[in-house]
Amino acid sequence: MASQTPEMQSLVSAISRGAGRCDAQSLNSTLVMWTGGYDDGRTYISNQLPDYCGAYTGHAYTDFASSGTLPRYVGTPERGGYWVEARDYDRALAEYNERIRREDEERRRQSWLN
């Protein structure tokens, strides 16, 4: 370890903190947040990538961004957004937008009835 360059030492550190914790499935399970009270609160998934993931995926010696494999966030936290693998983003975004369209349509319909 003493012979490693500072860059390699920082990569080892980034991998030890981020590997296996920065894929979409892990982000969706660890970034669940509460809003409101415990009994009447709601959960949402944060759209903020944790610092350890930023250090890992953004490291000069990794290629997540340039290879297009960085997980992406679909939607907004307030409307049920979530993380997906980059390869699934377009499909997930289309499904999310359709769900939001249907929810908004139902809200408008309900407001007309009331």
C-alpha atoms as a PDB file:
ATOM      1  CA  MET A   1       0.000   0.000   0.000  1.00  0.00           C
ATOM      2  CA  ALA A   2       2.891   2.360   0.710  1.00  0.00           C
ATOM      3  CA  SER A   3       4.035   2.115  -2.908  1.00  0.00           C
ATOM      4  CA  GLN A   4       0.613   3.064  -4.303  1.00  0.00           C
ATOM      5  CA  THR A   5       0.105   6.498  -5.760  1.00  0.00           C
ATOM      6  CA  PRO A   6      -2.283   8.846  -3.961  1.00  0.00           C
ATOM      7  CA  GLU A   7      -4.721   8.396  -6.858  1.00  0.00           C
ATOM      8  CA  MET A   8      -4.734   4.610  -6.431  1.00  0.00           C
ATOM      9  CA  GLN A   9      -5.105   4.963  -2.670  1.00  0.00           C
ATOM     10  CA  SER A  10      -8.142   7.215  -3.197  1.00  0.00           C
ATOM     11  CA  LEU A  11      -9.587   4.699  -5.678  1.00  0.00           C
ATOM     12  CA  VAL A  12      -9.195   1.857  -3.174  1.00  0.00           C
ATOM     13  CA  SER A  13     -10.913   4.029  -0.566  1.00  0.00           C
ATOM     14  CA  ALA A  14     -13.743   4.942  -2.961  1.00  0.00           C
ATOM     15  CA  ILE A  15     -14.273   1.317  -3.946  1.00  0.00           C
ATOM     16  CA  SER A  16     -14.325   0.160  -0.335  1.00  0.00           C
ATOM     17  CA  ARG A  17     -17.062   2.684   0.471  1.00  0.00           C
ATOM     18  CA  GLY A  18     -19.124   2.585  -2.718  1.00  0.00           C
ATOM     19  CA  ALA A  19     -18.849  -0.788  -4.438  1.00  0.00           C
ATOM     20  CA  GLY A  20     -22.108  -2.703  -4.140  1.00  0.00           C
ATOM     21  CA  ARG A  21     -23.863   0.289  -2.588  1.00  0.00           C
ATOM     22  CA  CYS A  22     -24.348   2.543  -5.603  1.00  0.00           C
ATOM     23  CA  ASP A  23     -26.503   0.498  -7.955  1.00  0.00           C
ATOM     24  CA  ALA A  24     -30.183   1.381  -8.429  1.00  0.00           C
ATOM     25  CA  GLN A  25     -31.480  -1.391  -6.160  1.00  0.00           C
ATOM     26  CA  SER A  26     -29.212  -0.347  -3.279  1.00  0.00           C
ATOM     27  CA  LEU A  27     -29.994   3.346  -3.731  1.00  0.00           C
ATOM     28  CA  ASN A  28     -33.748   2.680  -3.714  1.00  0.00           C
ATOM     29  CA  SER A  29     -33.493   0.772  -0.447  1.00  0.00           C
ATOM     30  CA  THR A  30     -31.034   3.003   1.411  1.00  0.00           C
ATOM     31  CA  LEU A  31     -32.324   6.428   0.341  1.00  0.00           C
ATOM     32  CA  VAL A  32     -35.864   6.004   1.693  1.00  0.00           C
ATOM     33  CA  MET A  33     -36.757   9.166   3.598  1.00  0.00           C
ATOM     34  CA  TRP A  34     -39.711  10.042   5.839  1.00  0.00           C
ATOM     35  CA  THR A  35     -41.754  13.193   5.591  1.00  0.00           C
ATOM     36  CA  GLY A  36     -44.299  14.211   8.196  1.00  0.00           C
ATOM     37  CA  GLY A  37     -44.933  12.294  11.387  1.00  0.00           C
ATOM     38  CA  TYR A  38     -44.302   8.628  11.978  1.00  0.00           C
ATOM     39  CA  ASP A  39     -47.970   7.642  12.004  1.00  0.00           C
ATOM     40  CA  ASP A  40     -49.169   9.916   9.212  1.00  0.00           C
ATOM     41  CA  GLY A  41     -45.933  10.423   7.315  1.00  0.00           C
ATOM     42  CA  ARG A  42     -45.052   9.287   3.853  1.00  0.00           C
ATOM     43  CA  THR A  43     -41.866   7.875   2.444  1.00  0.00           C
ATOM     44  CA  TYR A  44     -40.022   8.905  -0.657  1.00  0.00           C
ATOM     45  CA  ILE A  45     -36.730   8.004  -2.290  1.00  0.00           C
ATOM     46  CA  SER A  46     -34.179  10.789  -2.300  1.00  0.00           C
ATOM     47  CA  ASN A  47     -32.801  11.915  -5.634  1.00  0.00           C
ATOM     48  CA  GLN A  48     -29.506  12.958  -4.052  1.00  0.00           C
ATOM     49  CA  LEU A  49     -26.679  10.548  -4.776  1.00  0.00           C
ATOM     50  CA  PRO A  50     -24.765   9.888  -1.526  1.00  0.00           C
ATOM     51  CA  ASP A  51     -21.274  11.361  -1.256  1.00  0.00           C
ATOM     52  CA  TYR A  52     -19.669   7.912  -1.176  1.00  0.00           C
ATOM     53  CA  CYS A  53     -21.337   7.078  -4.511  1.00  0.00           C
ATOM     54  CA  GLY A  54     -20.173  10.343  -6.008  1.00  0.00           C
ATOM     55  CA  ALA A  55     -16.618   9.599  -4.901  1.00  0.00           C
ATOM     56  CA  TYR A  56     -16.815   6.076  -6.321  1.00  0.00           C
ATOM     57  CA  THR A  57     -18.617   6.707  -9.599  1.00  0.00           C
ATOM     58  CA  GLY A  58     -16.909  10.040 -10.262  1.00  0.00           C
ATOM     59  CA  HIS A  59     -13.363   8.894  -9.539  1.00  0.00           C
ATOM     60  CA  ALA A  60     -10.845   9.608 -12.286  1.00  0.00           C
ATOM     61  CA  TYR A  61     -10.000   5.896 -12.477  1.00  0.00           C
ATOM     62  CA  THR A  62     -13.591   4.690 -12.968  1.00  0.00           C
ATOM     63  CA  ASP A  63     -15.693   5.105 -16.094  1.00  0.00           C
ATOM     64  CA  PHE A  64     -19.294   5.085 -14.879  1.00  0.00           C
ATOM     65  CA  ALA A  65     -20.157   8.453 -16.422  1.00  0.00           C
ATOM     66  CA  SER A  66     -18.396   7.970 -19.751  1.00  0.00           C
ATOM     67  CA  SER A  67     -19.641   4.392 -20.150  1.00  0.00           C
ATOM     68  CA  GLY A  68     -23.244   5.394 -19.470  1.00  0.00           C
ATOM     69  CA  THR A  69     -23.652   2.943 -16.588  1.00  0.00           C
ATOM     70  CA  LEU A  70     -24.307   5.448 -13.802  1.00  0.00           C
ATOM     71  CA  PRO A  71     -27.713   4.877 -12.140  1.00  0.00           C
ATOM     72  CA  ARG A  72     -30.236   7.598 -12.956  1.00  0.00           C
ATOM     73  CA  TYR A  73     -33.146   9.038 -11.049  1.00  0.00           C
ATOM     74  CA  VAL A  74     -36.589   8.910 -12.663  1.00  0.00           C
ATOM     75  CA  GLY A  75     -39.162  11.549 -11.733  1.00  0.00           C
ATOM     76  CA  THR A  76     -39.299  13.636  -8.583  1.00  0.00           C
ATOM     77  CA  PRO A  77     -39.241  12.540  -4.950  1.00  0.00           C
ATOM     78  CA  GLU A  78     -42.654  14.121  -4.312  1.00  0.00           C
ATOM     79  CA  ARG A  79     -44.257  12.027  -7.052  1.00  0.00           C
ATOM     80  CA  GLY A  80     -42.714   8.621  -6.354  1.00  0.00           C
ATOM     81  CA  GLY A  81     -39.403   8.963  -8.152  1.00  0.00           C
ATOM     82  CA  TYR A  82     -36.827   6.203  -7.964  1.00  0.00           C
ATOM     83  CA  TRP A  83     -33.400   5.103  -9.189  1.00  0.00           C
ATOM     84  CA  VAL A  84     -32.918   2.862 -12.227  1.00  0.00           C
ATOM     85  CA  GLU A  85     -29.933   1.408 -13.985  1.00  0.00           C
ATOM     86  CA  ALA A  86     -28.892   3.596 -16.902  1.00  0.00           C
ATOM     87  CA  ARG A  87     -29.872   0.970 -19.485  1.00  0.00           C
ATOM     88  CA  ASP A  88     -33.474   1.015 -18.158  1.00  0.00           C
ATOM     89  CA  TYR A  89     -33.889   4.787 -17.948  1.00  0.00           C
ATOM     90  CA  ASP A  90     -35.869   5.486 -21.131  1.00  0.00           C
ATOM     91  CA  ARG A  91     -38.400   2.714 -20.445  1.00  0.00           C
ATOM     92  CA  ALA A  92     -38.717   3.667 -16.768  1.00  0.00           C
ATOM     93  CA  LEU A  93     -39.172   7.354 -17.606  1.00  0.00           C
ATOM     94  CA  ALA A  94     -41.933   6.564 -20.104  1.00  0.00           C
ATOM     95  CA  GLU A  95     -43.707   4.372 -17.524  1.00  0.00           C
ATOM     96  CA  TYR A  96     -43.307   7.041 -14.826  1.00  0.00           C
ATOM     97  CA  ASN A  97     -44.656   9.788 -17.095  1.00  0.00           C
ATOM     98  CA  GLU A  98     -47.652   7.645 -18.006  1.00  0.00           C
ATOM     99  CA  ARG A  99     -48.375   6.961 -14.317  1.00  0.00           C
ATOM    100  CA  ILE A 100     -48.149  10.677 -13.506  1.00  0.00           C
ATOM    101  CA  ARG A 101     -50.443  11.502 -16.437  1.00  0.00           C
ATOM    102  CA  ARG A 102     -53.043   9.017 -15.170  1.00  0.00           C
ATOM    103  CA  GLU A 103     -52.762  10.304 -11.578  1.00  0.00           C
ATOM    104  CA  ASP A 104     -53.190  13.911 -12.722  1.00  0.00           C
ATOM    105  CA  GLU A 105     -56.139  12.957 -14.899  1.00  0.00           C
ATOM    106  CA  GLU A 106     -57.784  11.182 -11.960  1.00  0.00           C
ATOM    107  CA  ARG A 107     -57.204  14.206  -9.699  1.00  0.00           C
ATOM    108  CA  ARG A 108     -58.817  16.496 -12.264  1.00  0.00           C
ATOM    109  CA  ARG A 109     -61.736  14.111 -12.614  1.00  0.00           C
ATOM    110  CA  GLN A 110     -62.165  13.941  -8.830  1.00  0.00           C
ATOM    111  CA  SER A 111     -62.074  17.746  -8.505  1.00  0.00           C
ATOM    112  CA  TRP A 112     -64.844  18.005 -11.107  1.00  0.00           C
ATOM    113  CA  LEU A 113     -66.980  15.571  -9.147  1.00  0.00           C
ATOM    114  CA  ASN A 114     -66.523  17.417  -5.855  1.00  0.00           C
END
